[in-house]
Every structure is written in C-alpha cells, then in structure tokens.
C-alpha cells in the first residue's frame, strides 16, 4: 500500500521513537508525538546518509538504502494506474466501479476499457455485497492466463464487506490474492490472479 517502518526520530525539540508511514500523499509519524506532513512540507525532503530528512529538520533513521527508497517514493509518487499495474495496450474491463476519472486515466495510459469480457489483462469489479462476491466465479473465465481481477469495494466505516470475505470468495473460485491498493479516498482494491499449478 505505502511505506511503513519503526524508527528513531530526531525532531528540532528532541528525539522520539515510533512508526513512520507514507500513505498516498501523507507522511505520518506516530510515537510519543504525532506528526503529519503533506504538500509543501514534503518539498526539500532528502536522503542523507542513513536518514530521511525533512526541510523542517525532522530526521528518521531508516538505513541508507531505505532512506533513498523513501525519498524517491515521496518525491516521485506513482500514479493510481501505476500502482494498479496498468500498462499501455492492456485489455481492461470495468464493471460497476463508479469513478468519474477512471475511464479517462485508462485512455491516457493507452489501456482504454473494452466491452468484450474475454482474454482480459485486468478486470476492475465493484463488489460490496455477498451477492456481488458470489459473481466472481462468473468473471474468472474472462481473465487472460496472466490476467488479474481487482475487486473494488468501499473502505473504512462505509465498508459493507470485509477484506477476509473478499479473499475467501475469490479463493473459493481458484484465485490467489497478492496486492491491496487504495483505489480512491473511499474505495480500496484487492488484486487476485489465477492459481498457477
């Protein structure tokens, strides 16, 4: 989903230990204190030796390789479609996913949705009920050999199906879960592929 590490932190007013997370466009620290950086506060961020260093002087001990990786991820975030594995020329179908920007993003990426449900590289399917999860079995034959099904559902307090229910339903049809992505502020997507024997 994002990046997550337990780390030692040094703030201008003293040290702390806690959990550092990068999610979407936010860097969060949870220790004795809680801090959140977004937008302008992340500009000037850099890897310096073993540390990730923010423009305000906050430092997080991550190790040289991890500090560089975090800095690159924060300064050059992947687009939603990059996280979802969409590539130019892919055969993609979207069923029931209500997202005004998705079709245009797919077209801009060179992977405009197709209507025929066959030989799909990616299938985005909205499922927020037991009945919709039960339909997954009908969709499996539409996937190409190395295709993936993204089950998109509401997240947080608005969720009507739990991740474990989505995973159990998909596994019952021979699929294997391998990734979770924050699809939008209100939706999450779980990725499933065909089990390889």
Foldseek 3Di string as FASTA:
>chain_A
DWDKDWWWKAAPVGIWTFMWIDADFWIWTDTPDIDIDGDPQAPPFAQDAQWTATPNGMITRHGRVVSHVNNCCNVPPDDLVVQVVQAAPFAEAEEPDDDPCVQVVCVVRNHHYDDDLAQGQEYEYEDQDPVSLLCVLVNQRSHHQFHKYKYKAFDDPPGNDDPVSSQVSQVVNQWDWDDKAQNDPTMIITMIHHDDD
